[in-house]
Amino acid sequence: MTMSKAIAEETVMHPIYHDELNKARIADLRSQAERDRLVRACAQARRKRREYRMDPAVGVVESFAHHLLIILGARSA
């Protein structure tokens, strides 16, 4: 068999294998999309936490409330 004839010759895939390959590709794309969705959600949550922490008044109020609960809890015991 010459080289040109080998290149021109194609292997035909059985329809069952072709269908299974397509199913595998679709499943791979779906799992990749799910990973991407989770990454975007995590990044968005990190940004929101960072924005929340940037307000110094929030930190002061949280600290005050935390200490007040500790004091009140100690008195009630």
PDB file of N, CA and C in Angstrom:
ATOM      1  N   MET A   1       0.860  -1.166   0.000  1.00  0.00           N
ATOM      2  CA  MET A   1       0.000   0.000   0.000  1.00  0.00           C
ATOM      3  C   MET A   1       0.905   1.227   0.000  1.00  0.00           C
ATOM      4  N   THR A   2       0.626   2.113  -0.890  1.00  0.00           N
ATOM      5  CA  THR A   2       1.447   3.321  -0.963  1.00  0.00           C
ATOM      6  C   THR A   2       0.984   4.322   0.091  1.00  0.00           C
ATOM      7  N   MET A   3       1.828   5.301   0.308  1.00  0.00           N
ATOM      8  CA  MET A   3       1.539   6.296   1.338  1.00  0.00           C
ATOM      9  C   MET A   3       0.309   7.120   0.990  1.00  0.00           C
ATOM     10  N   SER A   4       0.146   7.501  -0.263  1.00  0.00           N
ATOM     11  CA  SER A   4      -1.000   8.329  -0.653  1.00  0.00           C
ATOM     12  C   SER A   4      -2.312   7.568  -0.478  1.00  0.00           C
ATOM     13  N   LYS A   5      -2.289   6.256  -0.772  1.00  0.00           N
ATOM     14  CA  LYS A   5      -3.509   5.465  -0.605  1.00  0.00           C
ATOM     15  C   LYS A   5      -3.831   5.308   0.887  1.00  0.00           C
ATOM     16  N   ALA A   6      -2.825   5.170   1.741  1.00  0.00           N
ATOM     17  CA  ALA A   6      -3.049   5.030   3.178  1.00  0.00           C
ATOM     18  C   ALA A   6      -3.630   6.324   3.762  1.00  0.00           C
ATOM     19  N   ILE A   7      -3.196   7.463   3.261  1.00  0.00           N
ATOM     20  CA  ILE A   7      -3.713   8.729   3.766  1.00  0.00           C
ATOM     21  C   ILE A   7      -5.150   8.942   3.314  1.00  0.00           C
ATOM     22  N   ALA A   8      -5.466   8.582   2.087  1.00  0.00           N
ATOM     23  CA  ALA A   8      -6.807   8.789   1.551  1.00  0.00           C
ATOM     24  C   ALA A   8      -7.814   7.838   2.183  1.00  0.00           C
ATOM     25  N   GLU A   9      -7.359   6.707   2.681  1.00  0.00           N
ATOM     26  CA  GLU A   9      -8.262   5.721   3.254  1.00  0.00           C
ATOM     27  C   GLU A   9      -8.678   6.158   4.662  1.00  0.00           C
ATOM     28  N   GLU A  10      -9.973   6.121   4.945  1.00  0.00           N
ATOM     29  CA  GLU A  10     -10.471   6.510   6.256  1.00  0.00           C
ATOM     30  C   GLU A  10     -11.057   5.306   6.955  1.00  0.00           C
ATOM     31  N   THR A  11     -10.990   5.348   8.274  1.00  0.00           N
ATOM     32  CA  THR A  11     -11.607   4.298   9.057  1.00  0.00           C
ATOM     33  C   THR A  11     -12.993   4.773   9.454  1.00  0.00           C
ATOM     34  N   VAL A  12     -13.979   3.977   9.144  1.00  0.00           N
ATOM     35  CA  VAL A  12     -15.352   4.348   9.464  1.00  0.00           C
ATOM     36  C   VAL A  12     -15.668   3.820  10.857  1.00  0.00           C
ATOM     37  N   MET A  13     -16.198   4.701  11.677  1.00  0.00           N
ATOM     38  CA  MET A  13     -16.537   4.310  13.042  1.00  0.00           C
ATOM     39  C   MET A  13     -17.949   3.737  13.059  1.00  0.00           C
ATOM     40  N   HIS A  14     -18.118   2.684  13.809  1.00  0.00           N
ATOM     41  CA  HIS A  14     -19.431   2.075  13.963  1.00  0.00           C
ATOM     42  C   HIS A  14     -20.341   3.077  14.680  1.00  0.00           C
ATOM     43  N   PRO A  15     -21.601   3.206  14.265  1.00  0.00           N
ATOM     44  CA  PRO A  15     -22.507   4.198  14.870  1.00  0.00           C
ATOM     45  C   PRO A  15     -22.652   4.071  16.387  1.00  0.00           C
ATOM     46  N   ILE A  16     -22.581   2.865  16.915  1.00  0.00           N
ATOM     47  CA  ILE A  16     -22.705   2.683  18.364  1.00  0.00           C
ATOM     48  C   ILE A  16     -21.532   3.356  19.074  1.00  0.00           C
ATOM     49  N   TYR A  17     -20.312   3.171  18.560  1.00  0.00           N
ATOM     50  CA  TYR A  17     -19.140   3.795  19.183  1.00  0.00           C
ATOM     51  C   TYR A  17     -19.208   5.311  19.063  1.00  0.00           C
ATOM     52  N   HIS A  18     -19.680   5.776  17.912  1.00  0.00           N
ATOM     53  CA  HIS A  18     -19.804   7.209  17.695  1.00  0.00           C
ATOM     54  C   HIS A  18     -20.784   7.818  18.712  1.00  0.00           C
ATOM     55  N   ASP A  19     -21.893   7.146  18.945  1.00  0.00           N
ATOM     56  CA  ASP A  19     -22.890   7.610  19.904  1.00  0.00           C
ATOM     57  C   ASP A  19     -22.316   7.633  21.320  1.00  0.00           C
ATOM     58  N   GLU A  20     -21.579   6.593  21.690  1.00  0.00           N
ATOM     59  CA  GLU A  20     -20.974   6.518  23.026  1.00  0.00           C
ATOM     60  C   GLU A  20     -19.924   7.615  23.212  1.00  0.00           C
ATOM     61  N   LEU A  21     -19.152   7.890  22.182  1.00  0.00           N
ATOM     62  CA  LEU A  21     -18.160   8.963  22.255  1.00  0.00           C
ATOM     63  C   LEU A  21     -18.853  10.310  22.457  1.00  0.00           C
ATOM     64  N   ASN A  22     -19.935  10.529  21.734  1.00  0.00           N
ATOM     65  CA  ASN A  22     -20.681  11.778  21.903  1.00  0.00           C
ATOM     66  C   ASN A  22     -21.238  11.905  23.316  1.00  0.00           C
ATOM     67  N   LYS A  23     -21.758  10.808  23.877  1.00  0.00           N
ATOM     68  CA  LYS A  23     -22.271  10.837  25.248  1.00  0.00           C
ATOM     69  C   LYS A  23     -21.153  11.172  26.235  1.00  0.00           C
ATOM     70  N   ALA A  24     -19.985  10.598  26.021  1.00  0.00           N
ATOM     71  CA  ALA A  24     -18.848  10.872  26.906  1.00  0.00           C
ATOM     72  C   ALA A  24     -18.418  12.331  26.802  1.00  0.00           C
ATOM     73  N   ARG A  25     -18.397  12.870  25.601  1.00  0.00           N
ATOM     74  CA  ARG A  25     -18.030  14.286  25.424  1.00  0.00           C
ATOM     75  C   ARG A  25     -19.036  15.200  26.110  1.00  0.00           C
ATOM     76  N   ILE A  26     -20.314  14.893  25.979  1.00  0.00           N
ATOM     77  CA  ILE A  26     -21.363  15.705  26.614  1.00  0.00           C
ATOM     78  C   ILE A  26     -21.222  15.635  28.131  1.00  0.00           C
ATOM     79  N   ALA A  27     -20.985  14.449  28.662  1.00  0.00           N
ATOM     80  CA  ALA A  27     -20.809  14.303  30.111  1.00  0.00           C
ATOM     81  C   ALA A  27     -19.594  15.091  30.588  1.00  0.00           C
ATOM     82  N   ASP A  28     -18.521  15.081  29.822  1.00  0.00           N
ATOM     83  CA  ASP A  28     -17.321  15.823  30.176  1.00  0.00           C
ATOM     84  C   ASP A  28     -17.587  17.322  30.164  1.00  0.00           C
ATOM     85  N   LEU A  29     -18.309  17.796  29.158  1.00  0.00           N
ATOM     86  CA  LEU A  29     -18.646  19.215  29.089  1.00  0.00           C
ATOM     87  C   LEU A  29     -19.540  19.644  30.251  1.00  0.00           C
ATOM     88  N   ARG A  30     -20.466  18.780  30.632  1.00  0.00           N
ATOM     89  CA  ARG A  30     -21.348  19.103  31.756  1.00  0.00           C
ATOM     90  C   ARG A  30     -20.564  19.181  33.064  1.00  0.00           C
ATOM     91  N   SER A  31     -19.661  18.228  33.282  1.00  0.00           N
ATOM     92  CA  SER A  31     -18.882  18.260  34.523  1.00  0.00           C
ATOM     93  C   SER A  31     -17.950  19.463  34.540  1.00  0.00           C
ATOM     94  N   GLN A  32     -17.409  19.838  33.385  1.00  0.00           N
ATOM     95  CA  GLN A  32     -16.556  21.023  33.303  1.00  0.00           C
ATOM     96  C   GLN A  32     -17.379  22.283  33.592  1.00  0.00           C
ATOM     97  N   ALA A  33     -18.595  22.344  33.089  1.00  0.00           N
ATOM     98  CA  ALA A  33     -19.465  23.491  33.343  1.00  0.00           C
ATOM     99  C   ALA A  33     -19.820  23.572  34.828  1.00  0.00           C
ATOM    100  N   GLU A  34     -20.037  22.433  35.459  1.00  0.00           N
ATOM    101  CA  GLU A  34     -20.337  22.411  36.893  1.00  0.00           C
ATOM    102  C   GLU A  34     -19.139  22.909  37.708  1.00  0.00           C
ATOM    103  N   ARG A  35     -17.926  22.467  37.333  1.00  0.00           N
ATOM    104  CA  ARG A  35     -16.715  22.953  38.015  1.00  0.00           C
ATOM    105  C   ARG A  35     -16.577  24.462  37.843  1.00  0.00           C
ATOM    106  N   ASP A  36     -16.818  24.948  36.640  1.00  0.00           N
ATOM    107  CA  ASP A  36     -16.720  26.387  36.383  1.00  0.00           C
ATOM    108  C   ASP A  36     -17.753  27.161  37.206  1.00  0.00           C
ATOM    109  N   ARG A  37     -18.951  26.612  37.325  1.00  0.00           N
ATOM    110  CA  ARG A  37     -20.004  27.262  38.098  1.00  0.00           C
ATOM    111  C   ARG A  37     -19.600  27.358  39.564  1.00  0.00           C
ATOM    112  N   LEU A  38     -19.026  26.275  40.101  1.00  0.00           N
ATOM    113  CA  LEU A  38     -18.589  26.278  41.495  1.00  0.00           C
ATOM    114  C   LEU A  38     -17.451  27.269  41.728  1.00  0.00           C
ATOM    115  N   VAL A  39     -16.525  27.335  40.779  1.00  0.00           N
ATOM    116  CA  VAL A  39     -15.412  28.279  40.904  1.00  0.00           C
ATOM    117  C   VAL A  39     -15.928  29.712  40.906  1.00  0.00           C
ATOM    118  N   ARG A  40     -16.869  30.010  40.012  1.00  0.00           N
ATOM    119  CA  ARG A  40     -17.433  31.362  39.974  1.00  0.00           C
ATOM    120  C   ARG A  40     -18.177  31.691  41.267  1.00  0.00           C
ATOM    121  N   ALA A  41     -18.919  30.724  41.802  1.00  0.00           N
ATOM    122  CA  ALA A  41     -19.663  30.945  43.044  1.00  0.00           C
ATOM    123  C   ALA A  41     -18.707  31.193  44.213  1.00  0.00           C
ATOM    124  N   CYS A  42     -17.615  30.442  44.277  1.00  0.00           N
ATOM    125  CA  CYS A  42     -16.634  30.630  45.350  1.00  0.00           C
ATOM    126  C   CYS A  42     -15.969  31.998  45.239  1.00  0.00           C
ATOM    127  N   ALA A  43     -15.612  32.385  44.044  1.00  0.00           N
ATOM    128  CA  ALA A  43     -14.978  33.685  43.843  1.00  0.00           C
ATOM    129  C   ALA A  43     -15.931  34.806  44.231  1.00  0.00           C
ATOM    130  N   GLN A  44     -17.180  34.674  43.879  1.00  0.00           N
ATOM    131  CA  GLN A  44     -18.171  35.691  44.212  1.00  0.00           C
ATOM    132  C   GLN A  44     -18.364  35.770  45.729  1.00  0.00           C
ATOM    133  N   ALA A  45     -18.405  34.625  46.398  1.00  0.00           N
ATOM    134  CA  ALA A  45     -18.558  34.615  47.854  1.00  0.00           C
ATOM    135  C   ALA A  45     -17.349  35.263  48.524  1.00  0.00           C
ATOM    136  N   ARG A  46     -16.149  34.989  48.010  1.00  0.00           N
ATOM    137  CA  ARG A  46     -14.938  35.610  48.568  1.00  0.00           C
ATOM    138  C   ARG A  46     -14.989  37.123  48.420  1.00  0.00           C
ATOM    139  N   ARG A  47     -15.429  37.591  47.243  1.00  0.00           N
ATOM    140  CA  ARG A  47     -15.533  39.034  47.018  1.00  0.00           C
ATOM    141  C   ARG A  47     -16.522  39.665  47.987  1.00  0.00           C
ATOM    142  N   LYS A  48     -17.660  39.006  48.198  1.00  0.00           N
ATOM    143  CA  LYS A  48     -18.674  39.545  49.110  1.00  0.00           C
ATOM    144  C   LYS A  48     -18.134  39.600  50.537  1.00  0.00           C
ATOM    145  N   ARG A  49     -17.419  38.537  50.967  1.00  0.00           N
ATOM    146  CA  ARG A  49     -16.837  38.544  52.309  1.00  0.00           C
ATOM    147  C   ARG A  49     -15.820  39.661  52.451  1.00  0.00           C
ATOM    148  N   ARG A  50     -15.009  39.862  51.412  1.00  0.00           N
ATOM    149  CA  ARG A  50     -13.998  40.910  51.447  1.00  0.00           C
ATOM    150  C   ARG A  50     -14.659  42.280  51.535  1.00  0.00           C
ATOM    151  N   GLU A  51     -15.725  42.485  50.761  1.00  0.00           N
ATOM    152  CA  GLU A  51     -16.434  43.759  50.803  1.00  0.00           C
ATOM    153  C   GLU A  51     -17.071  43.973  52.176  1.00  0.00           C
ATOM    154  N   TYR A  52     -17.577  42.917  52.773  1.00  0.00           N
ATOM    155  CA  TYR A  52     -18.210  42.994  54.084  1.00  0.00           C
ATOM    156  C   TYR A  52     -17.180  43.384  55.145  1.00  0.00           C
ATOM    157  N   ARG A  53     -15.995  42.809  55.060  1.00  0.00           N
ATOM    158  CA  ARG A  53     -14.947  43.101  56.033  1.00  0.00           C
ATOM    159  C   ARG A  53     -14.352  44.490  55.856  1.00  0.00           C
ATOM    160  N   MET A  54     -14.520  45.082  54.682  1.00  0.00           N
ATOM    161  CA  MET A  54     -13.917  46.381  54.428  1.00  0.00           C
ATOM    162  C   MET A  54     -14.592  47.499  55.229  1.00  0.00           C
ATOM    163  N   ASP A  55     -15.805  47.295  55.711  1.00  0.00           N
ATOM    164  CA  ASP A  55     -16.505  48.308  56.476  1.00  0.00           C
ATOM    165  C   ASP A  55     -16.073  48.203  57.938  1.00  0.00           C
ATOM    166  N   PRO A  56     -15.307  49.166  58.461  1.00  0.00           N
ATOM    167  CA  PRO A  56     -14.810  49.070  59.831  1.00  0.00           C
ATOM    168  C   PRO A  56     -15.920  49.138  60.869  1.00  0.00           C
ATOM    169  N   ALA A  57     -17.009  49.825  60.562  1.00  0.00           N
ATOM    170  CA  ALA A  57     -18.107  49.921  61.526  1.00  0.00           C
ATOM    171  C   ALA A  57     -18.711  48.556  61.800  1.00  0.00           C
ATOM    172  N   VAL A  58     -18.771  47.721  60.794  1.00  0.00           N
ATOM    173  CA  VAL A  58     -19.326  46.380  60.970  1.00  0.00           C
ATOM    174  C   VAL A  58     -18.467  45.591  61.948  1.00  0.00           C
ATOM    175  N   GLY A  59     -17.156  45.693  61.822  1.00  0.00           N
ATOM    176  CA  GLY A  59     -16.254  44.978  62.723  1.00  0.00           C
ATOM    177  C   GLY A  59     -16.397  45.447  64.158  1.00  0.00           C
ATOM    178  N   VAL A  60     -16.562  46.757  64.367  1.00  0.00           N
ATOM    179  CA  VAL A  60     -16.705  47.303  65.712  1.00  0.00           C
ATOM    180  C   VAL A  60     -18.008  46.819  66.344  1.00  0.00           C
ATOM    181  N   VAL A  61     -19.089  46.864  65.579  1.00  0.00           N
ATOM    182  CA  VAL A  61     -20.387  46.428  66.097  1.00  0.00           C
ATOM    183  C   VAL A  61     -20.352  44.939  66.425  1.00  0.00           C
ATOM    184  N   GLU A  62     -19.769  44.137  65.544  1.00  0.00           N
ATOM    185  CA  GLU A  62     -19.673  42.700  65.806  1.00  0.00           C
ATOM    186  C   GLU A  62     -18.864  42.429  67.058  1.00  0.00           C
ATOM    187  N   SER A  63     -17.758  43.111  67.216  1.00  0.00           N
ATOM    188  CA  SER A  63     -16.906  42.927  68.384  1.00  0.00           C
ATOM    189  C   SER A  63     -17.650  43.315  69.659  1.00  0.00           C
ATOM    190  N   PHE A  64     -18.341  44.444  69.634  1.00  0.00           N
ATOM    191  CA  PHE A  64     -19.109  44.899  70.785  1.00  0.00           C
ATOM    192  C   PHE A  64     -20.191  43.885  71.136  1.00  0.00           C
ATOM    193  N   ALA A  65     -20.927  43.421  70.135  1.00  0.00           N
ATOM    194  CA  ALA A  65     -22.000  42.454  70.374  1.00  0.00           C
ATOM    195  C   ALA A  65     -21.440  41.151  70.934  1.00  0.00           C
ATOM    196  N   HIS A  66     -20.321  40.715  70.419  1.00  0.00           N
ATOM    197  CA  HIS A  66     -19.693  39.476  70.894  1.00  0.00           C
ATOM    198  C   HIS A  66     -19.302  39.615  72.366  1.00  0.00           C
ATOM    199  N   HIS A  67     -18.651  40.729  72.719  1.00  0.00           N
ATOM    200  CA  HIS A  67     -18.237  40.932  74.103  1.00  0.00           C
ATOM    201  C   HIS A  67     -19.438  41.091  75.027  1.00  0.00           C
ATOM    202  N   LEU A  68     -20.478  41.760  74.565  1.00  0.00           N
ATOM    203  CA  LEU A  68     -21.679  41.922  75.360  1.00  0.00           C
ATOM    204  C   LEU A  68     -22.328  40.580  75.651  1.00  0.00           C
ATOM    205  N   LEU A  69     -22.387  39.708  74.647  1.00  0.00           N
ATOM    206  CA  LEU A  69     -22.965  38.377  74.866  1.00  0.00           C
ATOM    207  C   LEU A  69     -22.137  37.567  75.846  1.00  0.00           C
ATOM    208  N   ILE A  70     -20.832  37.717  75.791  1.00  0.00           N
ATOM    209  CA  ILE A  70     -19.966  37.004  76.744  1.00  0.00           C
ATOM    210  C   ILE A  70     -20.237  37.508  78.165  1.00  0.00           C
ATOM    211  N   ILE A  71     -20.316  38.822  78.319  1.00  0.00           N
ATOM    212  CA  ILE A  71     -20.549  39.402  79.644  1.00  0.00           C
ATOM    213  C   ILE A  71     -21.924  38.968  80.184  1.00  0.00           C
ATOM    214  N   LEU A  72     -22.947  39.083  79.343  1.00  0.00           N
ATOM    215  CA  LEU A  72     -24.292  38.708  79.776  1.00  0.00           C
ATOM    216  C   LEU A  72     -24.377  37.215  80.078  1.00  0.00           C
ATOM    217  N   GLY A  73     -23.689  36.420  79.292  1.00  0.00           N
ATOM    218  CA  GLY A  73     -23.685  34.979  79.538  1.00  0.00           C
ATOM    219  C   GLY A  73     -22.998  34.640  80.836  1.00  0.00           C
ATOM    220  N   ALA A  74     -21.939  35.358  81.181  1.00  0.00           N
ATOM    221  CA  ALA A  74     -21.208  35.100  82.410  1.00  0.00           C
ATOM    222  C   ALA A  74     -22.055  35.495  83.627  1.00  0.00           C
ATOM    223  N   ARG A  75     -22.850  36.564  83.498  1.00  0.00           N
ATOM    224  CA  ARG A  75     -23.676  37.020  84.615  1.00  0.00           C
ATOM    225  C   ARG A  75     -24.855  36.088  84.864  1.00  0.00           C
ATOM    226  N   SER A  76     -25.399  35.498  83.787  1.00  0.00           N
ATOM    227  CA  SER A  76     -26.578  34.647  83.955  1.00  0.00           C
ATOM    228  C   SER A  76     -26.218  33.264  84.493  1.00  0.00           C
ATOM    229  N   ALA A  77     -24.961  32.896  84.420  1.00  0.00           N
ATOM    230  CA  ALA A  77     -24.563  31.553  84.865  1.00  0.00           C
ATOM    231  C   ALA A  77     -24.430  31.426  86.341  1.00  0.00           C
TER     232      ALA A  77
END
